Amino acid sequence: MSSKARNAVDWTCRIVAAVILLQTLYFKFTAAPESVYIFSLLGLEPWGRIGSGVAELIASVLLLVPRTTAVGALLALGIISGAIVSHLTVLGIVVMDDGGELFALAVAVFACSAVVLALHWRELPIVGALFGGGTPGRRHALQS
């Protein structure tokens, strides 16, 4: 894959994942009925709703900052994996007649975050250093 194409895929996935995560914050932080319903079913209302919102905000920011992209992608994958497992085990695919939209958005965030992590895993603290990655500057030197 050319450097331009890789960069385009990287930034597209980062932006898509961050925008989806950020748009849910309004519902979580304003205690929208859908969010309260979901977290009540999970037995995590209100702290799970607020905590997951804070974690999603942090993941979104980390995804968009080039120096912290890998950590943001890993955090987003962890958060969204919990959401997907919740849909598959407790909530169901369709929640409050949404036609499966929340589940589809969770899958999109998972896919985008996985692509971003695949592109940036060498930048992860400890893991990247152990497997030949390291700092972002060193990553670019290794790829040329």
Protein backbone atom coordinates (compact mmCIF):
# COMPACT_ATOMS: atom_id res chain seq x y z
CA MET A 1 0.00 0.00 0.00
CA SER A 2 1.38 3.40 -0.90
CA SER A 3 2.16 5.89 1.82
CA LYS A 4 -0.65 8.18 0.63
CA ALA A 5 -3.22 5.37 0.65
CA ARG A 6 -2.06 4.18 4.08
CA ASN A 7 -2.34 7.70 5.44
CA ALA A 8 -5.83 8.13 3.94
CA VAL A 9 -7.05 4.84 5.43
CA ASP A 10 -5.45 5.69 8.77
CA TRP A 11 -7.02 9.14 9.08
CA THR A 12 -10.40 8.00 7.74
CA CYS A 13 -10.60 5.22 10.33
CA ARG A 14 -9.38 7.50 13.13
CA ILE A 15 -11.95 10.18 12.31
CA VAL A 16 -14.85 7.73 11.85
CA ALA A 17 -14.16 5.99 15.17
CA ALA A 18 -13.68 9.28 17.05
CA VAL A 19 -16.81 10.91 15.59
CA ILE A 20 -18.99 7.92 16.46
CA LEU A 21 -17.60 7.80 20.00
CA LEU A 22 -17.98 11.56 20.45
CA GLN A 23 -21.56 11.72 19.17
CA THR A 24 -22.70 9.27 21.84
CA LEU A 25 -21.43 11.54 24.62
CA TYR A 26 -24.42 13.85 24.39
CA PHE A 27 -26.76 10.96 25.14
CA LYS A 28 -24.63 9.61 27.96
CA PHE A 29 -23.93 12.93 29.68
CA THR A 30 -27.50 14.26 29.40
CA ALA A 31 -29.01 11.02 30.71
CA ALA A 32 -31.01 10.47 27.54
CA PRO A 33 -33.72 7.82 28.04
CA GLU A 34 -31.97 5.39 25.66
CA SER A 35 -28.70 5.57 27.60
CA VAL A 36 -30.41 5.27 30.97
CA TYR A 37 -32.38 2.26 29.67
CA ILE A 38 -29.24 0.52 28.38
CA PHE A 39 -27.16 1.06 31.49
CA SER A 40 -30.10 0.17 33.76
CA LEU A 41 -30.43 -3.19 31.95
CA LEU A 42 -26.71 -3.73 32.47
CA GLY A 43 -26.99 -2.79 36.16
CA LEU A 44 -24.52 0.05 35.67
CA GLU A 45 -26.71 3.16 35.83
CA PRO A 46 -25.54 5.92 36.37
CA TRP A 47 -21.82 5.31 36.99
CA GLY A 48 -21.32 2.95 34.06
CA ARG A 49 -22.96 5.43 31.71
CA ILE A 50 -20.87 8.35 32.93
CA GLY A 51 -17.66 6.31 33.21
CA SER A 52 -17.97 4.88 29.73
CA GLY A 53 -18.65 8.39 28.41
CA VAL A 54 -15.47 9.70 30.01
CA ALA A 55 -13.49 6.73 28.66
CA GLU A 56 -14.93 7.29 25.16
CA LEU A 57 -14.01 10.98 25.30
CA ILE A 58 -10.44 10.10 26.27
CA ALA A 59 -10.19 7.42 23.55
CA SER A 60 -11.48 9.87 20.92
CA VAL A 61 -8.92 12.51 21.81
CA LEU A 62 -6.10 9.95 21.93
CA LEU A 63 -7.12 8.59 18.51
CA LEU A 64 -6.89 12.01 16.91
CA VAL A 65 -3.53 13.03 18.42
CA PRO A 66 -0.79 11.48 16.26
CA ARG A 67 1.53 10.79 19.19
CA THR A 68 -1.16 8.82 21.11
CA THR A 69 -3.05 7.16 18.26
CA ALA A 70 -2.06 3.59 19.15
CA VAL A 71 -3.12 3.95 22.78
CA GLY A 72 -6.39 5.56 21.67
CA ALA A 73 -7.10 2.71 19.27
CA LEU A 74 -6.38 0.13 21.98
CA LEU A 75 -8.62 1.94 24.48
CA ALA A 76 -11.41 2.31 21.90
CA LEU A 77 -11.19 -1.41 21.11
CA GLY A 78 -11.51 -2.27 24.78
CA ILE A 79 -14.47 0.02 25.33
CA ILE A 80 -16.32 -1.01 22.21
CA SER A 81 -15.65 -4.71 22.83
CA GLY A 82 -17.58 -4.32 26.08
CA ALA A 83 -20.43 -2.67 24.19
CA ILE A 84 -20.53 -5.45 21.58
CA VAL A 85 -20.47 -8.18 24.23
CA SER A 86 -23.29 -6.36 26.07
CA HIS A 87 -25.35 -6.30 22.88
CA LEU A 88 -24.74 -9.98 22.22
CA THR A 89 -25.42 -11.17 25.77
CA VAL A 90 -27.89 -8.79 27.45
CA LEU A 91 -29.22 -6.01 25.24
CA GLY A 92 -29.76 -7.73 21.92
CA ILE A 93 -28.90 -6.34 18.50
CA VAL A 94 -31.98 -4.08 18.42
CA VAL A 95 -32.36 -1.78 21.42
CA MET A 96 -35.53 0.26 21.90
CA ASP A 97 -36.56 -0.25 18.25
CA ASP A 98 -33.37 1.32 16.87
CA GLY A 99 -33.16 -1.23 14.05
CA GLY A 100 -29.73 -2.32 15.26
CA GLU A 101 -28.16 1.10 14.69
CA LEU A 102 -26.27 1.18 18.00
CA PHE A 103 -24.89 -2.29 17.37
CA ALA A 104 -23.85 -1.36 13.81
CA LEU A 105 -22.09 1.77 15.09
CA ALA A 106 -20.27 -0.32 17.70
CA VAL A 107 -19.11 -2.73 15.00
CA ALA A 108 -17.94 0.22 12.85
CA VAL A 109 -15.92 1.64 15.77
CA PHE A 110 -14.45 -1.82 16.41
CA ALA A 111 -13.43 -2.25 12.76
CA CYS A 112 -11.96 1.25 12.45
CA SER A 113 -10.08 0.98 15.74
CA ALA A 114 -8.70 -2.43 14.75
CA VAL A 115 -7.40 -1.02 11.45
CA VAL A 116 -5.81 1.94 13.26
CA LEU A 117 -4.21 -0.35 15.83
CA ALA A 118 -2.90 -2.61 13.05
CA LEU A 119 -1.26 0.44 11.46
CA HIS A 120 0.16 1.82 14.73
CA TRP A 121 0.78 -1.13 17.08
CA ARG A 122 4.52 -0.55 17.05
CA GLU A 123 3.93 2.78 18.79
CA LEU A 124 2.39 1.13 21.86
CA PRO A 125 4.47 1.54 25.01
CA ILE A 126 6.30 -1.68 25.93
CA VAL A 127 4.69 -3.79 23.16
CA GLY A 128 6.13 -1.68 20.36
CA ALA A 129 9.58 -1.61 21.94
CA LEU A 130 9.57 -5.38 22.50
CA PHE A 131 8.63 -6.15 18.91
CA GLY A 132 10.79 -3.68 17.03
CA GLY A 133 8.68 -0.54 17.09
CA GLY A 134 9.20 2.25 19.52
CA THR A 135 8.80 5.93 18.98
CA PRO A 136 6.84 7.32 16.01
CA GLY A 137 10.02 8.76 14.49
CA ARG A 138 11.69 5.37 14.62
CA ARG A 139 8.62 3.75 13.04
CA HIS A 140 8.97 5.90 9.94
CA ALA A 141 12.68 5.06 9.69
CA LEU A 142 11.86 1.34 9.86
CA GLN A 143 9.24 1.56 7.11
CA SER A 144 11.48 3.21 4.54
